[in-house]
């Protein structure tokens, strides 16, 4: 399974994460012009998605999910310190640029116990894709640590 498999399912190129001396955490984001017209990805604000990280050879490095595409890449991976983000940045700084592909998903709104709640199926799709990957490849992508 490589990135072509996910592109055939509808994942679209979103951005490239690359080493950079411009920021303290050491990476920068370059959005793909044909997909993102605002260089900060603002049109993806609040949009849930499942994403795939791959190297330039198409090897899948990570499958993940987010409830806010813009925040995940423009803010969290780029600058927030935590184990996952640090592992991704370390890979980028020490090994290779990472290409990001996204499959955006809708939010659903319902009333539960009198509260208006919004949700998405991103976590369920991420889990299904990781289980499929592990079944086919007998291991998780190198930057995924576990199946939830």
Foldseek 3Di string as FASTA:
>chain_A
DFVVVVVVVPWAWFWKWAADPPDPLGIDIAGDVVPAVDRLRVVQAQWKKWKWKAFPVRHTQDIGIDRGVSCVPNPCLVDNDDDLSSLVSCCRVPPHMIIMIIDTWDWDWDADPNDIDIDTCRLVVSLVVQVVCCVVVVDGRNSDDDRD
